[in-house]
Protein backbone atom coordinates (compact mmCIF):
# COMPACT_ATOMS: atom_id res chain seq x y z
CA MET A 1 212.02 -222.24 273.15
CA PRO A 2 213.44 -222.27 269.60
CA GLN A 3 214.93 -219.03 268.32
CA LEU A 4 212.81 -217.38 265.61
CA ILE A 5 214.85 -216.76 262.46
CA HIS A 6 213.93 -214.25 259.76
CA ASN A 7 217.45 -213.78 258.38
CA TYR A 8 219.38 -216.95 257.49
CA ALA A 9 222.63 -215.24 258.50
CA ASP A 10 221.43 -215.35 262.12
CA ILE A 11 221.83 -219.16 262.16
CA ASP A 12 225.29 -219.96 263.53
CA PHE A 13 225.83 -223.44 262.08
CA ALA A 14 229.25 -223.67 263.79
CA ARG A 15 228.16 -222.72 267.31
CA PRO A 16 229.11 -225.49 269.79
CA GLY A 17 226.31 -227.38 271.52
CA LYS A 18 222.64 -227.86 270.60
CA HIS A 19 220.50 -225.02 269.28
CA HIS A 20 216.87 -225.03 268.15
CA TYR A 21 215.41 -222.65 265.56
CA GLN A 22 212.15 -221.90 263.79
CA ILE A 23 212.81 -220.58 260.28
CA ALA A 24 210.12 -218.08 259.23
CA PHE A 25 209.10 -218.39 255.58
CA HIS A 26 206.58 -215.71 254.66
CA LEU A 27 203.22 -216.84 253.35
CA ASP A 28 202.24 -216.10 249.76
CA GLY A 29 198.60 -215.14 250.32
CA SER A 30 198.51 -213.36 253.68
CA TRP A 31 200.62 -211.78 256.37
CA GLY A 32 202.29 -214.46 258.43
CA TYR A 33 204.78 -217.30 258.29
CA SER A 34 205.28 -221.01 258.01
CA LEU A 35 207.63 -221.77 260.91
CA VAL A 36 209.90 -224.64 259.90
CA PRO A 37 211.75 -226.37 262.75
CA LEU A 38 215.55 -226.75 262.60
CA THR A 39 217.98 -228.10 265.19
CA VAL A 40 221.75 -227.79 264.83
CA ILE A 41 224.04 -229.86 267.06
CA ASN A 42 227.78 -229.39 267.09
CA GLY A 43 229.27 -232.12 269.23
CA LEU A 44 231.61 -231.17 272.05
CA ARG A 45 233.88 -234.21 271.64
CA GLY A 46 235.64 -232.69 268.65
CA PRO A 47 235.39 -232.29 264.87
CA ASN A 48 234.17 -234.87 262.37
CA THR A 49 234.07 -234.34 258.61
CA ASN A 50 230.93 -236.44 258.10
CA GLY A 51 228.14 -233.97 258.78
CA ILE A 52 224.75 -235.71 258.99
CA LEU A 53 221.60 -233.97 257.65
CA CYS A 54 218.24 -235.49 258.63
CA PHE A 55 214.80 -234.63 257.22
CA GLY A 56 211.30 -235.70 258.24
CA GLY A 57 207.92 -234.39 257.15
CA THR A 58 208.93 -233.92 253.52
CA HIS A 59 205.40 -235.25 253.04
CA GLY A 60 203.10 -233.97 255.73
CA ASN A 61 201.09 -237.15 256.34
CA GLU A 62 204.13 -239.37 256.94
CA TYR A 63 204.75 -239.32 260.67
CA GLU A 64 207.45 -241.85 261.52
CA GLY A 65 210.26 -239.51 260.47
CA GLN A 66 208.65 -236.49 262.11
CA VAL A 67 208.34 -238.26 265.46
CA ALA A 68 211.75 -239.96 265.38
CA LEU A 69 213.60 -236.75 264.48
CA LYS A 70 211.72 -234.68 267.06
CA ARG A 71 212.80 -237.20 269.69
CA LEU A 72 216.39 -236.99 268.46
CA CYS A 73 216.27 -233.17 268.65
CA HIS A 74 215.62 -233.63 272.36
CA ASP A 75 217.62 -236.78 273.12
CA LEU A 76 220.96 -236.26 271.38
CA ASP A 77 223.54 -234.95 273.85
CA PRO A 78 226.26 -232.75 272.33
CA ALA A 79 228.62 -233.83 275.12
CA GLN A 80 228.47 -237.36 273.68
CA LEU A 81 228.87 -236.30 270.05
CA SER A 82 231.51 -235.16 267.64
CA GLY A 83 230.88 -233.35 264.38
CA ARG A 84 227.68 -231.72 263.18
CA ILE A 85 224.11 -233.03 262.99
CA ILE A 86 221.27 -230.99 261.50
CA LEU A 87 217.68 -232.14 262.03
CA MET A 88 214.57 -230.80 260.26
CA PRO A 89 211.64 -232.92 261.52
CA GLN A 90 208.89 -231.09 259.61
CA LEU A 91 210.39 -229.87 256.36
CA SER A 92 207.02 -229.11 254.75
CA GLU A 93 205.63 -227.67 257.97
CA SER A 94 202.38 -226.50 256.39
CA ALA A 95 201.70 -229.96 254.94
CA CYS A 96 202.47 -231.54 258.33
CA VAL A 97 200.01 -229.23 260.13
CA ALA A 98 197.35 -230.02 257.51
CA ASN A 99 197.98 -233.80 257.55
CA GLN A 100 198.45 -233.72 253.78
CA ARG A 101 201.04 -235.02 251.35
CA THR A 102 201.41 -231.59 249.78
CA SER A 103 201.38 -228.08 251.20
CA PRO A 104 197.86 -226.60 251.29
CA LEU A 105 199.41 -223.16 250.93
CA ASP A 106 200.81 -223.64 247.42
CA GLY A 107 199.72 -227.15 246.41
CA VAL A 108 203.34 -228.26 245.99
CA ASN A 109 204.82 -231.64 246.85
CA MET A 110 208.03 -230.75 248.70
CA ASN A 111 209.70 -233.82 247.23
CA ARG A 112 209.26 -232.37 243.76
CA ALA A 113 210.41 -228.84 244.64
CA PHE A 114 214.22 -229.14 244.49
CA PRO A 115 216.50 -227.34 243.83
CA GLY A 116 214.00 -224.64 244.73
CA ASN A 117 213.72 -220.98 243.91
CA PRO A 118 214.38 -218.06 246.27
CA ARG A 119 211.53 -216.11 244.63
CA GLY A 120 209.16 -219.04 244.19
CA THR A 121 206.22 -220.22 246.24
CA LEU A 122 206.60 -221.34 249.86
CA SER A 123 207.77 -224.89 249.07
CA ALA A 124 210.26 -223.68 246.46
CA ARG A 125 211.75 -221.24 248.96
CA ILE A 126 212.09 -223.92 251.64
CA ALA A 127 213.78 -226.22 249.11
CA HIS A 128 216.15 -223.41 248.13
CA PHE A 129 216.98 -222.85 251.81
CA VAL A 130 217.87 -226.54 252.19
CA LYS A 131 219.94 -226.54 249.01
CA THR A 132 221.91 -223.36 249.74
CA GLN A 133 222.00 -223.11 253.55
CA VAL A 134 221.77 -226.69 254.89
CA PHE A 135 223.39 -228.94 252.29
CA PRO A 136 226.80 -227.25 252.57
CA HIS A 137 227.06 -228.47 256.17
CA GLY A 138 226.86 -232.23 255.58
CA ARG A 139 227.91 -235.06 253.29
CA VAL A 140 225.31 -237.62 254.48
CA VAL A 141 221.61 -236.91 253.82
CA LEU A 142 218.81 -238.97 255.40
CA ASP A 143 215.24 -238.30 254.18
CA ILE A 144 212.81 -240.34 256.31
CA HIS A 145 209.60 -241.27 254.50
CA SER A 146 206.71 -243.66 254.92
CA GLY A 147 203.90 -244.44 252.51
CA GLY A 148 201.42 -241.90 253.84
CA MET A 149 198.14 -242.50 252.02
CA GLU A 150 199.87 -243.41 248.75
CA GLY A 151 201.16 -246.93 249.24
CA ALA A 152 202.14 -249.67 251.66
CA PHE A 153 205.76 -250.82 251.57
CA PRO A 154 207.72 -253.38 253.54
CA TYR A 155 210.03 -251.51 255.92
CA CYS A 156 212.84 -250.43 253.64
CA THR A 157 215.53 -247.92 252.93
CA SER A 158 215.72 -246.64 249.38
CA PHE A 159 218.15 -245.09 246.94
CA HIS A 160 218.58 -244.53 243.21
CA PRO A 161 220.97 -246.22 240.78
CA ILE A 162 224.27 -244.38 241.21
CA ALA A 163 226.91 -244.24 238.46
CA ASP A 164 229.94 -243.50 240.64
CA PRO A 165 231.12 -246.80 242.17
CA ALA A 166 232.53 -245.30 245.38
CA GLN A 167 229.40 -243.22 246.06
CA ARG A 168 227.21 -246.23 245.16
CA ALA A 169 229.04 -248.57 247.54
CA GLU A 170 228.93 -246.11 250.44
CA ILE A 171 225.22 -245.44 249.94
CA ALA A 172 224.54 -249.18 249.90
CA THR A 173 226.53 -249.62 253.11
CA VAL A 174 224.67 -246.82 254.88
CA SER A 175 221.29 -248.17 253.69
CA ARG A 176 221.87 -251.31 255.77
CA LEU A 177 222.37 -249.33 258.99
CA PHE A 178 218.59 -248.91 259.37
CA ASP A 179 218.34 -252.74 259.66
CA THR A 180 215.12 -252.93 257.64
CA GLY A 181 213.99 -256.11 255.94
CA PHE A 182 214.63 -254.61 252.51
CA ALA A 183 216.74 -251.99 250.75
CA LEU A 184 215.11 -250.82 247.52
CA ILE A 185 216.89 -249.42 244.48
CA TYR A 186 214.12 -247.41 242.80
CA ALA A 187 213.74 -245.65 239.47
CA SER A 188 215.15 -242.13 239.34
CA THR A 189 212.90 -241.51 236.32
CA MET A 190 209.69 -241.86 238.38
CA ALA A 191 209.83 -238.17 239.30
CA SER A 192 212.08 -235.12 239.35
CA GLY A 193 212.89 -232.55 242.00
CA LEU A 194 213.47 -235.00 244.87
CA LEU A 195 215.51 -233.98 247.89
CA THR A 196 217.69 -237.08 247.52
CA ASP A 197 218.12 -236.38 243.77
CA GLU A 198 219.67 -233.03 244.64
CA ALA A 199 221.90 -234.56 247.31
CA GLU A 200 223.08 -237.37 245.01
CA ALA A 201 223.92 -234.86 242.28
CA GLU A 202 226.18 -233.07 244.76
CA GLY A 203 228.00 -236.34 245.45
CA LYS A 204 226.45 -236.80 248.90
CA ILE A 205 225.54 -240.09 250.53
CA ALA A 206 221.75 -239.90 250.25
CA ILE A 207 219.28 -242.38 251.73
CA GLY A 208 215.49 -242.42 251.63
CA SER A 209 213.15 -244.82 253.40
CA GLU A 210 209.60 -246.14 253.61
CA LEU A 211 208.80 -246.93 257.25
CA GLY A 212 205.02 -247.12 257.56
CA ALA A 213 201.75 -246.31 255.82
CA GLY A 214 198.24 -245.02 256.30
CA ALA A 215 199.12 -241.66 257.90
CA SER A 216 199.58 -243.48 261.21
CA THR A 217 202.65 -243.57 263.45
CA ASP A 218 204.01 -247.08 263.14
CA HIS A 219 205.90 -248.21 266.24
CA HIS A 220 208.42 -250.32 264.32
CA GLY A 221 208.83 -247.63 261.69
CA VAL A 222 209.67 -245.02 264.33
CA ARG A 223 212.20 -247.43 265.87
CA HIS A 224 213.90 -248.01 262.50
CA ALA A 225 214.04 -244.24 261.91
CA TYR A 226 215.28 -243.33 265.40
CA GLU A 227 217.85 -246.09 265.82
CA GLY A 228 218.75 -245.99 262.13
CA VAL A 229 219.82 -242.35 262.39
CA LYS A 230 221.79 -243.18 265.53
CA ASN A 231 223.44 -246.09 263.71
CA VAL A 232 224.55 -243.66 260.99
CA LEU A 233 226.07 -241.46 263.71
CA ARG A 234 227.76 -244.54 265.19
CA HIS A 235 229.03 -245.74 261.82
CA TYR A 236 230.68 -242.43 261.01
CA GLY A 237 232.11 -241.94 264.50
CA LEU A 238 229.91 -239.04 265.62
CA LEU A 239 228.71 -241.31 268.44
CA ASP A 240 231.45 -243.35 270.06
CA GLU A 241 229.56 -246.64 270.36
CA PRO A 242 229.00 -249.70 268.16
CA VAL A 243 226.26 -250.01 265.56
CA GLN A 244 223.18 -251.68 267.09
CA SER A 245 220.78 -254.29 265.69
CA ILE A 246 217.24 -252.93 265.42
CA ARG A 247 215.24 -256.01 264.49
CA PRO A 248 215.06 -259.03 266.81
CA LEU A 249 218.11 -261.30 267.05
CA GLY A 250 218.06 -263.87 264.27
CA ALA A 251 216.21 -261.73 261.72
CA ALA A 252 217.21 -262.38 258.12
CA PRO A 253 219.82 -260.03 256.65
CA THR A 254 218.53 -256.98 254.80
CA ARG A 255 217.51 -258.08 251.29
CA LEU A 256 218.55 -255.84 248.39
CA ILE A 257 215.87 -255.48 245.71
CA ARG A 258 215.70 -253.43 242.54
CA ALA A 259 212.86 -251.68 240.71
CA ASP A 260 214.96 -249.23 238.72
CA LYS A 261 212.98 -249.43 235.46
CA LEU A 262 209.52 -247.98 234.94
CA ASP A 263 208.05 -251.30 233.82
CA ALA A 264 208.17 -252.41 237.47
CA TYR A 265 205.54 -249.78 238.37
CA ILE A 266 202.17 -251.13 237.20
CA PRO A 267 199.30 -248.62 236.79
CA ALA A 268 195.62 -249.32 237.34
CA PRO A 269 194.04 -250.04 233.93
CA ALA A 270 190.74 -248.45 235.01
CA ASP A 271 188.99 -246.89 237.97
CA GLY A 272 187.55 -249.41 240.37
CA ILE A 273 187.76 -251.04 243.77
CA TRP A 274 190.79 -253.21 244.07
CA GLU A 275 191.32 -256.34 246.09
CA PRO A 276 195.01 -257.21 246.59
CA VAL A 277 195.70 -260.85 247.41
CA VAL A 278 199.39 -260.40 248.29
CA ALA A 279 201.15 -258.38 250.99
CA PRO A 280 204.05 -255.92 250.97
CA GLY A 281 207.35 -257.79 251.16
CA GLN A 282 205.86 -261.03 249.83
CA ALA A 283 207.73 -263.11 247.24
CA VAL A 284 205.71 -263.71 244.05
CA GLU A 285 206.18 -265.75 240.90
CA ARG A 286 205.65 -264.64 237.32
CA GLY A 287 201.99 -265.17 236.44
CA GLU A 288 200.82 -265.23 240.08
CA LEU A 289 197.54 -263.46 240.85
CA LEU A 290 198.25 -260.14 242.58
CA CYS A 291 194.85 -258.47 242.72
CA ARG A 292 191.33 -258.20 241.38
CA LEU A 293 189.85 -254.92 240.17
CA HIS A 294 186.08 -254.64 240.63
CA ASP A 295 183.61 -252.54 238.63
CA PHE A 296 180.45 -252.01 240.66
CA SER A 297 178.53 -250.37 237.82
CA ASP A 298 177.65 -254.01 237.09
CA HIS A 299 177.88 -255.93 240.33
CA SER A 300 177.33 -259.21 238.45
CA SER A 301 180.48 -258.74 236.33
CA ALA A 302 183.66 -260.75 236.77
CA PRO A 303 186.58 -258.80 238.24
CA THR A 304 189.64 -257.90 236.21
CA GLU A 305 192.47 -260.13 237.43
CA ILE A 306 195.99 -258.71 237.36
CA HIS A 307 198.97 -261.07 237.47
CA ALA A 308 202.68 -260.60 238.13
CA SER A 309 204.66 -259.95 234.98
CA ARG A 310 207.87 -261.04 236.70
CA THR A 311 209.21 -263.03 239.63
CA GLY A 312 210.28 -260.89 242.56
CA TRP A 313 209.14 -259.14 245.72
CA VAL A 314 206.14 -256.91 246.34
CA ALA A 315 207.87 -253.60 247.01
CA MET A 316 204.68 -251.48 247.15
CA LEU A 317 200.91 -251.86 247.08
CA HIS A 318 198.52 -248.96 246.47
CA LEU A 319 196.93 -248.17 249.83
CA SER A 320 193.47 -246.90 248.99
CA ALA A 321 190.76 -249.35 247.96
CA ARG A 322 189.74 -246.97 245.15
CA PRO A 323 192.67 -246.40 242.77
CA ARG A 324 192.14 -244.17 239.79
CA ARG A 325 193.15 -245.16 236.29
CA GLY A 326 196.90 -244.59 235.88
CA GLN A 327 197.78 -244.65 239.60
CA THR A 328 200.46 -247.19 240.49
CA LEU A 329 198.81 -250.33 241.86
CA PHE A 330 201.95 -252.23 242.79
CA VAL A 331 205.69 -252.54 242.29
CA ILE A 332 207.47 -255.86 241.79
CA ALA A 333 211.20 -255.65 242.53
CA GLU A 334 213.90 -258.16 241.64
CA SER A 335 216.54 -259.53 244.00
CA VAL A 336 220.06 -258.15 243.72
CA ASP A 337 223.24 -259.45 245.31
CA TRP A 338 224.94 -256.93 247.59
CA SER A 339 228.27 -257.74 245.91
CA GLU A 340 227.05 -255.88 242.81
CA LEU A 341 227.20 -252.64 244.82
CA ILE A 342 229.68 -253.29 247.59
CA PRO A 343 232.93 -254.89 246.33
């Protein structure tokens, strides 16, 4: 059974072997705790300076990362590893239990809570714990997401535009280790307080992902998450074995796409029922019909047709059939040559 932790100082991050913890964060409205799972593995093969930090359940209704990291908590053998791996499969534990994007205990989206606050609400305190207690133990940060109930993506890794050329090139290299069909450079101005924002600002190698949708547990998404993390361990020498292909032999190389400006994120012009006519990962041409938006207050009315404002790839489609005015309907991303990031 995991060791219950009330005092952070009781976590021995340097202790050899594999050790499981539940970190008790007191509730704001009653006596009790949110028990956040944490596993620390210090490999027995020797030291390695590339500590790997892995997070799932940043959003509670995204399950591919939760499942893959829970399996890795069990499966990784410290006798076969060097260096340090830290796994947190349900970062927003209360959101995960509730099957919600945000925590029902404070209404906070964990991926907007960084850098956190030691005297803030539950999510702010968990974010502060990650920032101050977990981040110092690694230089590579993997935050495993899927679309939840927000949007459907092609399987992809994701990262922000990075100014430093060495950090940018290493992040791009690591993004390919998950062997997804796409790697998406996305706009850092879409939101603030992201876990990967905080890691990037510290100079870490930070990778996000979108590996499923619909609050399900996608088989292929779990495989990309599980084997992708292991490929990162292989790449940095924590596992002494070669990087493995994840997709079937002969699959096209990972395509790099970019939606780093806000004009790539198209909002719904009105409430309605929408009918997409393209699929995630599909190539589209400028002017091509993407969807129809239906107003059933007059069922005889013509739908509003929405067309692509650019040529590119469908990087995201809104998942629900009933978007509200202002919600992002779709994202069209442009192709980028890998040589722009990796010399």
